[in-house]
């Protein structure tokens, strides 16, 4: 796919209505988190992720907006918004995309790279950068961020100012990683739901079996004659 085709696909890219909001401070209330998300538009639903065993929050949430345009605006404008001193990370949480989630060493693909490009708050990344990132794996992207950040905050800032397009490219990389985190979280939620359903079905089957066994025992019990 050439640069022109990537640019056209980017222009037609649309987010789902559901977004992933990460890096939520653990001491932030649900009302505060919802209030931050409602700065963009009305929130139809919000689910704060919690640990099933301890009930403690995991620091991220899934937020549903009324339409794609509002969700896309949230992905752009809530990114970096400070809540209790911590910058929010906001990305796509498309359930259809999550079912096609990539492994750690598999290329993220052009579709995800284009989605990430559409979320960049500055000028759109060059199509050539989008094509390049599409060939990178999650593992490679994490290594890229780690290497870049290891230079220190001041050096990173200076490089972003000196190298044209670097700031947008690194933001695109971070969006790709946030999307991967949303995919993993959605998959984990589905896994837990399947496990809970299987456990409930197993409990029902055991209850029915006990009922049958108890009925059989009652029928087999001898009837004593009355005198």
Protein backbone atom coordinates (compact mmCIF):
# COMPACT_ATOMS: atom_id res chain seq x y z
CA UNK A 1 0.00 0.00 0.00
CA UNK A 2 1.49 3.37 -1.04
CA UNK A 3 1.45 6.62 0.96
CA UNK A 4 -1.62 7.96 -0.85
CA UNK A 5 -3.63 4.83 -0.08
CA UNK A 6 -2.59 4.98 3.58
CA UNK A 7 -3.63 8.63 3.73
CA UNK A 8 -7.08 7.81 2.30
CA UNK A 9 -7.54 4.93 4.73
CA UNK A 10 -6.50 7.20 7.60
CA UNK A 11 -9.08 9.79 6.59
CA UNK A 12 -11.80 7.13 6.63
CA UNK A 13 -10.69 5.58 9.93
CA UNK A 14 -13.40 5.59 12.61
CA UNK A 15 -13.08 4.55 16.25
CA UNK A 16 -15.66 2.46 18.02
CA UNK A 17 -17.81 4.07 20.70
CA UNK A 18 -15.83 2.31 23.45
CA UNK A 19 -12.50 3.70 24.63
CA UNK A 20 -9.89 2.43 27.04
CA UNK A 21 -8.83 4.88 29.75
CA UNK A 22 -5.67 3.86 31.57
CA UNK A 23 -3.26 5.17 34.21
CA UNK A 24 -6.16 6.16 36.48
CA UNK A 25 -4.93 7.06 39.96
CA UNK A 26 -6.01 4.45 42.49
CA UNK A 27 -7.21 7.17 44.88
CA UNK A 28 -9.42 8.78 42.22
CA UNK A 29 -13.12 8.24 42.82
CA UNK A 30 -15.45 6.84 40.19
CA UNK A 31 -17.18 10.23 40.07
CA UNK A 32 -13.86 11.94 39.33
CA UNK A 33 -13.00 9.48 36.58
CA UNK A 34 -16.44 9.83 35.01
CA UNK A 35 -16.24 13.61 35.30
CA UNK A 36 -12.95 13.66 33.40
CA UNK A 37 -14.43 11.51 30.63
CA UNK A 38 -17.55 13.68 30.46
CA UNK A 39 -15.41 16.69 29.59
CA UNK A 40 -15.58 15.31 26.05
CA UNK A 41 -19.27 14.39 25.97
CA UNK A 42 -22.00 12.34 27.68
CA UNK A 43 -20.83 8.95 28.95
CA UNK A 44 -23.29 6.12 28.33
CA UNK A 45 -21.45 3.67 30.57
CA UNK A 46 -18.18 3.30 32.43
CA UNK A 47 -16.67 0.13 33.90
CA UNK A 48 -13.73 0.50 36.25
CA UNK A 49 -11.66 -2.68 36.17
CA UNK A 50 -11.17 -4.36 39.55
CA UNK A 51 -9.39 -7.48 40.75
CA UNK A 52 -11.95 -10.25 41.22
CA UNK A 53 -10.17 -11.64 44.28
CA UNK A 54 -9.34 -8.46 46.19
CA UNK A 55 -11.77 -5.93 44.76
CA UNK A 56 -8.90 -3.48 44.26
CA UNK A 57 -8.90 -1.28 41.17
CA UNK A 58 -6.54 -2.08 38.32
CA UNK A 59 -6.10 1.52 37.18
CA UNK A 60 -8.05 1.45 33.95
CA UNK A 61 -11.64 1.64 32.71
CA UNK A 62 -13.77 1.08 29.63
CA UNK A 63 -15.90 4.08 28.72
CA UNK A 64 -18.73 4.09 26.18
CA UNK A 65 -19.72 7.26 24.35
CA UNK A 66 -22.82 7.94 22.26
CA UNK A 67 -21.08 7.84 18.88
CA UNK A 68 -17.80 7.23 17.08
CA UNK A 69 -16.98 10.92 16.70
CA UNK A 70 -17.17 11.58 20.46
CA UNK A 71 -15.10 8.49 21.20
CA UNK A 72 -12.48 9.59 18.70
CA UNK A 73 -12.43 13.05 20.29
CA UNK A 74 -11.91 11.45 23.71
CA UNK A 75 -8.97 9.45 22.37
CA UNK A 76 -7.34 12.64 21.12
CA UNK A 77 -8.23 15.15 23.81
CA UNK A 78 -8.19 13.09 27.02
CA UNK A 79 -4.73 11.68 26.26
CA UNK A 80 -2.42 13.18 28.89
CA UNK A 81 -5.26 14.81 30.86
CA UNK A 82 -4.18 14.98 34.51
CA UNK A 83 -6.39 13.22 37.04
CA UNK A 84 -5.09 13.30 40.60
CA UNK A 85 -1.67 14.22 39.19
CA UNK A 86 -1.44 11.30 36.75
CA UNK A 87 -1.76 11.69 32.95
CA UNK A 88 -4.50 9.52 31.49
CA UNK A 89 -3.75 7.15 28.63
CA UNK A 90 -6.66 6.84 26.24
CA UNK A 91 -6.97 4.49 23.29
CA UNK A 92 -9.24 2.43 21.13
CA UNK A 93 -11.15 -0.46 22.71
CA UNK A 94 -12.91 -1.98 19.71
CA UNK A 95 -14.33 -5.44 20.54
CA UNK A 96 -14.09 -6.63 16.92
CA UNK A 97 -10.45 -5.60 16.78
CA UNK A 98 -9.81 -7.23 20.14
CA UNK A 99 -10.98 -10.58 18.78
CA UNK A 100 -8.26 -10.23 16.15
CA UNK A 101 -5.60 -9.17 18.65
CA UNK A 102 -1.99 -9.83 17.78
CA UNK A 103 0.61 -11.82 19.66
CA UNK A 104 3.70 -10.19 21.16
CA UNK A 105 5.91 -10.96 18.16
CA UNK A 106 3.36 -10.57 15.37
CA UNK A 107 3.27 -7.32 13.34
CA UNK A 108 0.56 -4.99 14.64
CA UNK A 109 -0.75 -4.55 11.11
CA UNK A 110 -1.78 -1.60 9.00
CA UNK A 111 -5.31 -1.35 10.42
CA UNK A 112 -4.05 -0.78 13.96
CA UNK A 113 -1.28 1.55 12.78
CA UNK A 114 -3.85 3.68 10.93
CA UNK A 115 -6.14 3.76 13.98
CA UNK A 116 -3.21 4.88 16.14
CA UNK A 117 -2.31 7.58 13.62
CA UNK A 118 -5.88 8.93 13.76
CA UNK A 119 -5.54 9.41 17.52
CA UNK A 120 -2.36 11.53 17.41
CA UNK A 121 -3.09 14.94 18.91
CA UNK A 122 -0.57 16.83 16.77
CA UNK A 123 -0.31 16.81 13.01
CA UNK A 124 -0.96 13.39 11.45
CA UNK A 125 2.15 11.17 11.22
CA UNK A 126 3.58 10.65 7.75
CA UNK A 127 2.04 7.68 5.90
CA UNK A 128 5.54 6.23 5.56
CA UNK A 129 5.82 6.13 9.37
CA UNK A 130 2.44 4.42 9.61
CA UNK A 131 3.52 1.78 7.11
CA UNK A 132 6.76 1.24 9.02
CA UNK A 133 5.05 0.87 12.39
CA UNK A 134 2.56 -1.57 10.87
CA UNK A 135 5.43 -4.03 10.40
CA UNK A 136 6.60 -3.76 14.03
CA UNK A 137 5.52 -6.15 16.79
CA UNK A 138 4.35 -5.20 20.28
CA UNK A 139 7.67 -6.43 21.62
CA UNK A 140 9.58 -4.21 19.20
CA UNK A 141 7.43 -1.19 20.05
CA UNK A 142 8.00 -1.66 23.78
CA UNK A 143 11.74 -1.94 23.22
CA UNK A 144 11.64 1.25 21.13
CA UNK A 145 9.87 3.19 23.89
CA UNK A 146 12.16 1.76 26.57
CA UNK A 147 15.31 2.70 24.61
CA UNK A 148 14.00 6.18 23.87
CA UNK A 149 12.99 6.89 27.48
CA UNK A 150 16.28 5.53 28.82
CA UNK A 151 17.97 8.64 27.42
CA UNK A 152 16.22 10.77 30.01
CA UNK A 153 13.34 13.24 29.88
CA UNK A 154 15.43 16.24 28.82
CA UNK A 155 17.15 14.37 25.99
CA UNK A 156 13.83 12.97 24.77
CA UNK A 157 12.29 16.44 24.75
CA UNK A 158 15.24 17.88 22.86
CA UNK A 159 15.13 15.13 20.22
CA UNK A 160 11.39 15.62 19.70
CA UNK A 161 12.02 19.32 19.13
CA UNK A 162 14.96 18.77 16.77
CA UNK A 163 13.76 15.79 14.70
CA UNK A 164 10.70 16.58 12.53
CA UNK A 165 7.87 14.10 13.04
CA UNK A 166 9.51 12.27 15.97
CA UNK A 167 7.02 13.53 18.57
CA UNK A 168 4.06 12.40 16.45
CA UNK A 169 5.71 9.03 15.73
CA UNK A 170 6.36 8.33 19.41
CA UNK A 171 2.79 9.30 20.28
CA UNK A 172 1.57 6.91 17.58
CA UNK A 173 3.72 4.15 19.10
CA UNK A 174 2.24 4.83 22.54
CA UNK A 175 -1.30 4.68 21.13
CA UNK A 176 -0.48 1.29 19.60
CA UNK A 177 0.71 0.02 22.98
CA UNK A 178 -2.40 1.42 24.70
CA UNK A 179 -4.56 -0.34 22.11
CA UNK A 180 -2.69 -3.57 22.85
CA UNK A 181 -3.36 -3.10 26.57
CA UNK A 182 -7.06 -2.56 25.82
CA UNK A 183 -7.12 -5.75 23.74
CA UNK A 184 -5.49 -7.73 26.56
CA UNK A 185 -7.90 -6.32 29.13
CA UNK A 186 -10.92 -7.13 26.95
CA UNK A 187 -9.65 -10.66 26.36
CA UNK A 188 -9.07 -11.16 30.08
CA UNK A 189 -12.61 -9.95 30.81
CA UNK A 190 -14.01 -12.40 28.26
CA UNK A 191 -11.90 -15.22 29.72
CA UNK A 192 -13.23 -14.54 33.22
CA UNK A 193 -16.79 -14.37 31.91
CA UNK A 194 -16.38 -17.74 30.16
CA UNK A 195 -14.87 -19.26 33.30
CA UNK A 196 -17.71 -17.92 35.45
CA UNK A 197 -20.32 -19.26 33.01
CA UNK A 198 -18.62 -22.66 32.93
CA UNK A 199 -18.48 -22.78 36.74
CA UNK A 200 -22.16 -21.82 36.99
CA UNK A 201 -23.12 -24.49 34.46
CA UNK A 202 -21.06 -27.06 36.35
CA UNK A 203 -22.78 -26.12 39.63
CA UNK A 204 -26.20 -26.51 37.96
CA UNK A 205 -25.28 -29.92 36.62
CA UNK A 206 -24.05 -31.07 40.04
CA UNK A 207 -27.26 -29.81 41.65
CA UNK A 208 -29.39 -31.70 39.11
CA UNK A 209 -27.32 -34.84 39.63
CA UNK A 210 -27.77 -34.64 43.40
CA UNK A 211 -31.49 -34.18 42.92
CA UNK A 212 -31.67 -37.28 40.73
CA UNK A 213 -29.57 -39.29 43.18
CA UNK A 214 -31.66 -38.18 46.14
CA UNK A 215 -34.82 -39.12 44.29
CA UNK A 216 -33.43 -42.57 43.49
CA UNK A 217 -32.51 -43.16 47.11
CA UNK A 218 -35.98 -42.19 48.24
CA UNK A 219 -37.56 -44.61 45.76
CA UNK A 220 -35.26 -47.43 46.86
CA UNK A 221 -35.99 -46.95 50.59
CA UNK A 222 -38.12 -49.91 51.89
CA UNK A 223 -41.59 -49.18 53.21
CA UNK A 224 -42.02 -50.54 56.73
CA UNK A 225 -45.37 -52.17 57.57
CA UNK A 226 -47.56 -50.48 60.10
CA UNK A 227 -48.80 -52.47 63.14
